[in-house]
Amino acid sequence: MTGNYEHKIDAKGRVFIPSDLRKQLGDVFHVMIFNEECINVYPDSSWARLVDKVSALPIRKQSMMRPLFANTSRCELDGQGRFVLPLKLREKIGLQKDVTIVGAGTLVQIWDTEKFNEINEQESTPESIAAVLDELDF
């Protein structure tokens, strides 16, 4: 998934997912806090693989995964390509109104637009991009 798109969270807490990303995410997906900067959105198939990996862990290690699941919500798109971004997740990240939706390979990220612009400026220098490509042996 690629690209970035600026949108607004509406009064009901809904976010519009662009059609290019909707096709790849599907109608059902999972949203979780990845860090204190953005929300990650995983297609249902990717989430199922994660759940399978957790299920294969010993019980003690599975219980360590509780925060991951407690801070994740299953979401569905409405007929207009929107979904309700849970209030607790919005509050933890500080998402108010303006968001940038970013394709990030196998997932989508939702950022506060101002924060995304700051980080994107830092990460999008020719040197940073060259370092990433070098890391990938590309």
C-alpha atoms as a PDB file:
ATOM      1  CA  MET A   1       0.000   0.000   0.000  1.00  0.00           C
ATOM      2  CA  THR A   2       1.400   3.350  -1.003  1.00  0.00           C
ATOM      3  CA  GLY A   3       0.688   7.068  -1.104  1.00  0.00           C
ATOM      4  CA  ASN A   4      -0.543   9.608   1.406  1.00  0.00           C
ATOM      5  CA  TYR A   5      -3.901  11.312   1.570  1.00  0.00           C
ATOM      6  CA  GLU A   6      -5.109  14.172   3.740  1.00  0.00           C
ATOM      7  CA  HIS A   7      -8.574  13.883   5.259  1.00  0.00           C
ATOM      8  CA  LYS A   8     -10.551  15.054   8.262  1.00  0.00           C
ATOM      9  CA  ILE A   9     -12.113  13.181  11.135  1.00  0.00           C
ATOM     10  CA  ASP A  10     -15.796  14.121  11.058  1.00  0.00           C
ATOM     11  CA  ALA A  11     -17.974  15.055  14.044  1.00  0.00           C
ATOM     12  CA  LYS A  12     -18.919  11.385  14.550  1.00  0.00           C
ATOM     13  CA  GLY A  13     -15.288  10.245  14.629  1.00  0.00           C
ATOM     14  CA  ARG A  14     -15.355   8.777  11.127  1.00  0.00           C
ATOM     15  CA  VAL A  15     -12.387   8.683   8.777  1.00  0.00           C
ATOM     16  CA  PHE A  16     -12.577   8.242   5.008  1.00  0.00           C
ATOM     17  CA  ILE A  17     -10.271   5.626   3.481  1.00  0.00           C
ATOM     18  CA  PRO A  18      -9.253   6.426  -0.136  1.00  0.00           C
ATOM     19  CA  SER A  19     -10.472   3.901  -2.707  1.00  0.00           C
ATOM     20  CA  ASP A  20      -6.958   2.714  -3.654  1.00  0.00           C
ATOM     21  CA  LEU A  21      -6.306   1.729  -0.061  1.00  0.00           C
ATOM     22  CA  ARG A  22      -9.832   0.367   0.512  1.00  0.00           C
ATOM     23  CA  LYS A  23      -9.309  -2.184  -2.253  1.00  0.00           C
ATOM     24  CA  GLN A  24      -6.224  -3.507  -0.502  1.00  0.00           C
ATOM     25  CA  LEU A  25      -7.492  -3.280   3.086  1.00  0.00           C
ATOM     26  CA  GLY A  26     -10.845  -4.879   2.427  1.00  0.00           C
ATOM     27  CA  ASP A  27     -14.103  -4.113   4.225  1.00  0.00           C
ATOM     28  CA  VAL A  28     -12.966  -5.474   7.611  1.00  0.00           C
ATOM     29  CA  PHE A  29      -9.671  -4.506   9.212  1.00  0.00           C
ATOM     30  CA  HIS A  30      -8.027  -3.939  12.585  1.00  0.00           C
ATOM     31  CA  VAL A  31      -6.737  -0.654  13.987  1.00  0.00           C
ATOM     32  CA  MET A  32      -4.189  -0.431  16.777  1.00  0.00           C
ATOM     33  CA  ILE A  33      -1.774   1.994  18.326  1.00  0.00           C
ATOM     34  CA  PHE A  34       1.663   1.221  16.992  1.00  0.00           C
ATOM     35  CA  ASN A  35       3.445   3.837  19.029  1.00  0.00           C
ATOM     36  CA  GLU A  36       2.448   7.209  20.394  1.00  0.00           C
ATOM     37  CA  GLU A  37       2.642   8.778  16.954  1.00  0.00           C
ATOM     38  CA  CYS A  38       0.203   6.956  14.698  1.00  0.00           C
ATOM     39  CA  ILE A  39      -2.450   4.279  14.346  1.00  0.00           C
ATOM     40  CA  ASN A  40      -1.738   1.207  12.255  1.00  0.00           C
ATOM     41  CA  VAL A  41      -4.494  -0.334  10.143  1.00  0.00           C
ATOM     42  CA  TYR A  42      -4.084  -4.000   9.222  1.00  0.00           C
ATOM     43  CA  PRO A  43      -6.106  -5.977   6.674  1.00  0.00           C
ATOM     44  CA  ASP A  44      -8.073  -8.796   8.280  1.00  0.00           C
ATOM     45  CA  SER A  45      -5.789 -11.397   6.643  1.00  0.00           C
ATOM     46  CA  SER A  46      -2.646  -9.835   8.181  1.00  0.00           C
ATOM     47  CA  TRP A  47      -4.324  -9.634  11.561  1.00  0.00           C
ATOM     48  CA  ALA A  48      -5.296 -13.304  11.359  1.00  0.00           C
ATOM     49  CA  ARG A  49      -1.635 -14.229  10.765  1.00  0.00           C
ATOM     50  CA  LEU A  50      -0.632 -12.220  13.839  1.00  0.00           C
ATOM     51  CA  VAL A  51      -3.279 -13.950  15.952  1.00  0.00           C
ATOM     52  CA  ASP A  52      -2.029 -17.335  14.716  1.00  0.00           C
ATOM     53  CA  LYS A  53       1.528 -16.432  15.751  1.00  0.00           C
ATOM     54  CA  VAL A  54       0.362 -15.360  19.202  1.00  0.00           C
ATOM     55  CA  SER A  55      -1.729 -18.524  19.562  1.00  0.00           C
ATOM     56  CA  ALA A  56       1.372 -20.618  18.873  1.00  0.00           C
ATOM     57  CA  LEU A  57       3.244 -19.047  21.789  1.00  0.00           C
ATOM     58  CA  PRO A  58       3.378 -20.632  25.239  1.00  0.00           C
ATOM     59  CA  ILE A  59       0.589 -19.389  27.542  1.00  0.00           C
ATOM     60  CA  ARG A  60       2.945 -17.179  29.580  1.00  0.00           C
ATOM     61  CA  LYS A  61       4.093 -15.352  26.463  1.00  0.00           C
ATOM     62  CA  GLN A  62       0.525 -15.100  25.168  1.00  0.00           C
ATOM     63  CA  SER A  63      -0.477 -13.196  28.288  1.00  0.00           C
ATOM     64  CA  MET A  64       2.249 -10.647  27.522  1.00  0.00           C
ATOM     65  CA  MET A  65       0.344  -9.824  24.333  1.00  0.00           C
ATOM     66  CA  ARG A  66      -2.709  -8.574  26.247  1.00  0.00           C
ATOM     67  CA  PRO A  67      -1.933  -4.844  25.709  1.00  0.00           C
ATOM     68  CA  LEU A  68      -1.683  -5.451  21.987  1.00  0.00           C
ATOM     69  CA  PHE A  69      -5.199  -6.877  21.832  1.00  0.00           C
ATOM     70  CA  ALA A  70      -6.665  -4.482  24.413  1.00  0.00           C
ATOM     71  CA  ASN A  71      -5.632  -1.520  22.257  1.00  0.00           C
ATOM     72  CA  THR A  72      -6.902  -2.931  18.985  1.00  0.00           C
ATOM     73  CA  SER A  73     -10.352  -2.547  17.435  1.00  0.00           C
ATOM     74  CA  ARG A  74     -12.023  -4.448  14.622  1.00  0.00           C
ATOM     75  CA  CYS A  75     -13.536  -1.963  12.174  1.00  0.00           C
ATOM     76  CA  GLU A  76     -15.731  -2.080   9.091  1.00  0.00           C
ATOM     77  CA  LEU A  77     -16.248   0.412   6.301  1.00  0.00           C
ATOM     78  CA  ASP A  78     -19.643   1.976   5.743  1.00  0.00           C
ATOM     79  CA  GLY A  79     -21.139   2.498   2.286  1.00  0.00           C
ATOM     80  CA  GLN A  80     -19.206   5.746   1.790  1.00  0.00           C
ATOM     81  CA  GLY A  81     -15.790   4.233   2.566  1.00  0.00           C
ATOM     82  CA  ARG A  82     -15.607   5.557   6.142  1.00  0.00           C
ATOM     83  CA  PHE A  83     -15.158   3.911   9.506  1.00  0.00           C
ATOM     84  CA  VAL A  84     -15.412   5.078  13.090  1.00  0.00           C
ATOM     85  CA  LEU A  85     -11.960   5.528  14.549  1.00  0.00           C
ATOM     86  CA  PRO A  86     -12.420   4.567  18.212  1.00  0.00           C
ATOM     87  CA  LEU A  87     -12.291   7.515  20.597  1.00  0.00           C
ATOM     88  CA  LYS A  88      -9.809   5.843  22.967  1.00  0.00           C
ATOM     89  CA  LEU A  89      -7.336   5.396  20.113  1.00  0.00           C
ATOM     90  CA  ARG A  90      -7.846   8.963  18.857  1.00  0.00           C
ATOM     91  CA  GLU A  91      -7.257  10.310  22.344  1.00  0.00           C
ATOM     92  CA  LYS A  92      -4.100   8.254  22.937  1.00  0.00           C
ATOM     93  CA  ILE A  93      -2.544   9.535  19.711  1.00  0.00           C
ATOM     94  CA  GLY A  94      -4.003  13.031  19.965  1.00  0.00           C
ATOM     95  CA  LEU A  95      -5.886  12.917  16.689  1.00  0.00           C
ATOM     96  CA  GLN A  96      -8.256  15.863  16.481  1.00  0.00           C
ATOM     97  CA  LYS A  97      -9.416  16.755  12.992  1.00  0.00           C
ATOM     98  CA  ASP A  98      -6.762  16.750  10.261  1.00  0.00           C
ATOM     99  CA  VAL A  99      -5.258  13.350   9.516  1.00  0.00           C
ATOM    100  CA  THR A 100      -2.952  11.969   6.884  1.00  0.00           C
ATOM    101  CA  ILE A 101      -3.561   8.416   5.761  1.00  0.00           C
ATOM    102  CA  VAL A 102      -0.348   6.764   4.613  1.00  0.00           C
ATOM    103  CA  GLY A 103       0.198   3.550   2.690  1.00  0.00           C
ATOM    104  CA  ALA A 104       3.063   1.769   4.460  1.00  0.00           C
ATOM    105  CA  GLY A 105       3.652  -1.414   2.497  1.00  0.00           C
ATOM    106  CA  THR A 106       1.493  -4.124   4.049  1.00  0.00           C
ATOM    107  CA  LEU A 107      -0.550  -1.750   6.205  1.00  0.00           C
ATOM    108  CA  VAL A 108      -1.976   1.755   6.424  1.00  0.00           C
ATOM    109  CA  GLN A 109      -1.050   4.349   9.030  1.00  0.00           C
ATOM    110  CA  ILE A 110      -3.186   7.230  10.281  1.00  0.00           C
ATOM    111  CA  TRP A 111      -1.237  10.272  11.467  1.00  0.00           C
ATOM    112  CA  ASP A 112      -2.055  13.709  12.776  1.00  0.00           C
ATOM    113  CA  THR A 113      -1.293  15.752   9.644  1.00  0.00           C
ATOM    114  CA  GLU A 114       0.994  18.237  11.364  1.00  0.00           C
ATOM    115  CA  LYS A 115       3.013  15.467  13.023  1.00  0.00           C
ATOM    116  CA  PHE A 116       3.223  13.501   9.768  1.00  0.00           C
ATOM    117  CA  ASN A 117       4.483  16.533   7.862  1.00  0.00           C
ATOM    118  CA  GLU A 118       7.249  17.094  10.428  1.00  0.00           C
ATOM    119  CA  ILE A 119       8.390  13.474  10.390  1.00  0.00           C
ATOM    120  CA  ASN A 120       8.021  13.112   6.644  1.00  0.00           C
ATOM    121  CA  GLU A 121      10.257  16.140   6.093  1.00  0.00           C
ATOM    122  CA  GLN A 122      12.949  14.594   8.296  1.00  0.00           C
ATOM    123  CA  GLU A 123      12.662  11.130   6.746  1.00  0.00           C
ATOM    124  CA  SER A 124      12.378  12.189   3.097  1.00  0.00           C
ATOM    125  CA  THR A 125      15.834  13.627   2.559  1.00  0.00           C
ATOM    126  CA  PRO A 126      17.853  12.050  -0.257  1.00  0.00           C
ATOM    127  CA  GLU A 127      20.296  10.733   2.368  1.00  0.00           C
ATOM    128  CA  SER A 128      17.533   9.081   4.403  1.00  0.00           C
ATOM    129  CA  ILE A 129      15.967   7.462   1.349  1.00  0.00           C
ATOM    130  CA  ALA A 130      19.396   6.235   0.176  1.00  0.00           C
ATOM    131  CA  ALA A 131      20.032   4.744   3.629  1.00  0.00           C
ATOM    132  CA  VAL A 132      16.698   2.882   3.540  1.00  0.00           C
ATOM    133  CA  LEU A 133      17.388   1.509   0.065  1.00  0.00           C
ATOM    134  CA  ASP A 134      20.893   0.521   1.171  1.00  0.00           C
ATOM    135  CA  GLU A 135      19.442  -1.301   4.185  1.00  0.00           C
ATOM    136  CA  LEU A 136      17.257  -3.271   1.766  1.00  0.00           C
ATOM    137  CA  ASP A 137      20.220  -3.992  -0.556  1.00  0.00           C
ATOM    138  CA  PHE A 138      18.268  -2.300  -3.329  1.00  0.00           C
END
